[in-house]
Amino acid sequence: MKPVKRKIRKHYGLTAKQVAVRSHRPWYYRWVLGTIILATGYGLAYWQYAAGGQSVVEKLKQVTAENQNMQNKVIQVERQIQIEQAAQANLNKELNLVQDENIKIKEDLLFYKNMMAKKK
């Protein structure tokens, strides 16, 4: 009788192996569920695209217009910089000429002062 009790305890007692009970679903339920999930996802994505499709095109046009406006501003600023650089170069040339002329005038003044000093 003892071996029978051991077998019963082994199968039904606290030391018995844990068993997981799962309900078996046929493969076509999984396929149907997967198809439903995919169709729902596709429907939601299409609905979102169709609802927001016009705004995306409008945003693209707006961004393109802003880009063109910024490019025009960049071109204007580059032209202004070129003009300022040319003006700066002209001013440097004129300054050099004026400085040379000033040196010549100072030399002439010194020459005339020396002549006047010799006459006295």
Protein backbone atom coordinates (compact mmCIF):
# COMPACT_ATOMS: atom_id res chain seq x y z
CA MET A 1 0.00 0.00 0.00
CA LYS A 2 2.90 2.33 0.65
CA PRO A 3 4.07 2.37 -2.97
CA VAL A 4 0.59 3.38 -4.09
CA LYS A 5 0.46 6.27 -1.61
CA ARG A 6 3.87 7.45 -2.79
CA LYS A 7 2.72 7.44 -6.38
CA ILE A 8 -0.40 9.41 -5.49
CA ARG A 9 1.62 11.96 -3.50
CA LYS A 10 4.16 12.18 -6.30
CA HIS A 11 1.47 13.04 -8.84
CA TYR A 12 -0.86 15.17 -6.71
CA GLY A 13 1.10 16.39 -3.73
CA LEU A 14 3.17 19.55 -3.11
CA THR A 15 6.20 17.98 -4.76
CA ALA A 16 4.32 17.18 -7.95
CA LYS A 17 5.65 18.62 -11.21
CA GLN A 18 4.04 21.84 -12.39
CA VAL A 19 1.91 21.49 -15.47
CA ALA A 20 0.64 24.33 -17.66
CA VAL A 21 -2.79 23.94 -19.12
CA ARG A 22 -3.34 25.69 -22.45
CA SER A 23 -6.37 25.79 -24.59
CA HIS A 24 -5.59 24.84 -28.13
CA ARG A 25 -6.84 27.15 -30.86
CA PRO A 26 -6.95 26.09 -34.45
CA TRP A 27 -4.42 27.64 -36.84
CA TYR A 28 -7.09 29.43 -38.87
CA TYR A 29 -8.13 31.47 -35.81
CA ARG A 30 -4.59 32.81 -35.62
CA TRP A 31 -4.61 33.63 -39.33
CA VAL A 32 -7.99 35.35 -39.08
CA LEU A 33 -6.88 37.36 -36.04
CA GLY A 34 -3.63 38.35 -37.78
CA THR A 35 -5.53 39.41 -40.90
CA ILE A 36 -7.95 41.49 -38.85
CA ILE A 37 -5.08 43.23 -37.03
CA LEU A 38 -3.25 43.93 -40.31
CA ALA A 39 -6.40 45.26 -41.99
CA THR A 40 -7.14 47.50 -39.00
CA GLY A 41 -3.59 48.86 -39.01
CA TYR A 42 -3.70 49.47 -42.75
CA GLY A 43 -7.10 51.16 -42.43
CA LEU A 44 -5.89 53.46 -39.66
CA ALA A 45 -2.74 54.36 -41.60
CA TYR A 46 -4.73 55.07 -44.77
CA TRP A 47 -7.28 57.12 -42.84
CA GLN A 48 -4.53 59.20 -41.24
CA TYR A 49 -2.77 59.69 -44.58
CA ALA A 50 -5.98 60.64 -46.39
CA ALA A 51 -6.99 63.07 -43.64
CA GLY A 52 -3.55 64.71 -43.44
CA GLY A 53 -2.52 64.34 -47.08
CA GLN A 54 -3.72 67.78 -48.13
CA SER A 55 -1.96 69.50 -45.24
CA VAL A 56 1.33 67.77 -46.12
CA VAL A 57 1.15 69.13 -49.68
CA GLU A 58 0.30 72.59 -48.37
CA LYS A 59 3.17 72.44 -45.87
CA LEU A 60 5.51 71.41 -48.68
CA LYS A 61 4.42 74.40 -50.76
CA GLN A 62 4.81 76.72 -47.78
CA VAL A 63 8.28 75.42 -46.95
CA THR A 64 9.30 75.69 -50.61
CA ALA A 65 8.14 79.33 -50.68
CA GLU A 66 10.03 80.07 -47.45
CA ASN A 67 13.14 78.40 -48.88
CA GLN A 68 12.94 80.55 -52.02
CA ASN A 69 12.46 83.67 -49.87
CA MET A 70 15.51 82.79 -47.77
CA GLN A 71 17.59 82.17 -50.89
CA ASN A 72 16.62 85.62 -52.19
CA LYS A 73 17.63 87.18 -48.88
CA VAL A 74 20.98 85.35 -48.98
CA ILE A 75 21.63 86.63 -52.50
CA GLN A 76 20.80 90.20 -51.43
CA VAL A 77 23.11 89.98 -48.42
CA GLU A 78 25.93 88.56 -50.57
CA ARG A 79 25.54 91.43 -53.05
CA GLN A 80 25.53 93.95 -50.23
CA ILE A 81 28.74 92.41 -48.84
CA GLN A 82 30.36 92.57 -52.28
CA ILE A 83 29.40 96.25 -52.57
CA GLU A 84 30.79 97.00 -49.11
CA GLN A 85 34.03 95.17 -49.93
CA ALA A 86 34.42 97.15 -53.16
CA ALA A 87 33.73 100.40 -51.30
CA GLN A 88 36.28 99.44 -48.64
CA ALA A 89 38.90 98.72 -51.31
CA ASN A 90 38.22 102.11 -52.95
CA LEU A 91 38.50 103.87 -49.60
CA ASN A 92 41.82 102.14 -48.92
CA LYS A 93 43.17 103.28 -52.30
CA GLU A 94 41.99 106.85 -51.73
CA LEU A 95 43.45 106.85 -48.21
CA ASN A 96 46.82 105.71 -49.55
CA LEU A 97 46.72 108.45 -52.19
CA VAL A 98 45.80 111.11 -49.64
CA GLN A 99 48.56 109.94 -47.29
CA ASP A 100 51.11 110.07 -50.13
CA GLU A 101 49.91 113.54 -51.07
CA ASN A 102 50.11 114.63 -47.41
CA ILE A 103 53.71 113.38 -47.21
CA LYS A 104 54.63 115.32 -50.36
CA ILE A 105 52.99 118.47 -49.04
CA LYS A 106 54.87 118.11 -45.72
CA GLU A 107 58.12 117.69 -47.64
CA ASP A 108 57.35 120.83 -49.68
CA LEU A 109 56.47 122.75 -46.54
CA LEU A 110 59.71 121.67 -44.89
CA PHE A 111 61.62 122.69 -48.03
CA TYR A 112 59.98 126.14 -48.07
CA LYS A 113 60.58 126.59 -44.33
CA ASN A 114 64.26 125.81 -44.86
CA MET A 115 64.40 128.35 -47.72
CA MET A 116 62.77 131.03 -45.58
CA ALA A 117 65.12 130.26 -42.72
CA LYS A 118 68.15 130.70 -44.99
CA LYS A 119 66.94 134.12 -46.23
CA LYS A 120 66.70 135.57 -42.75
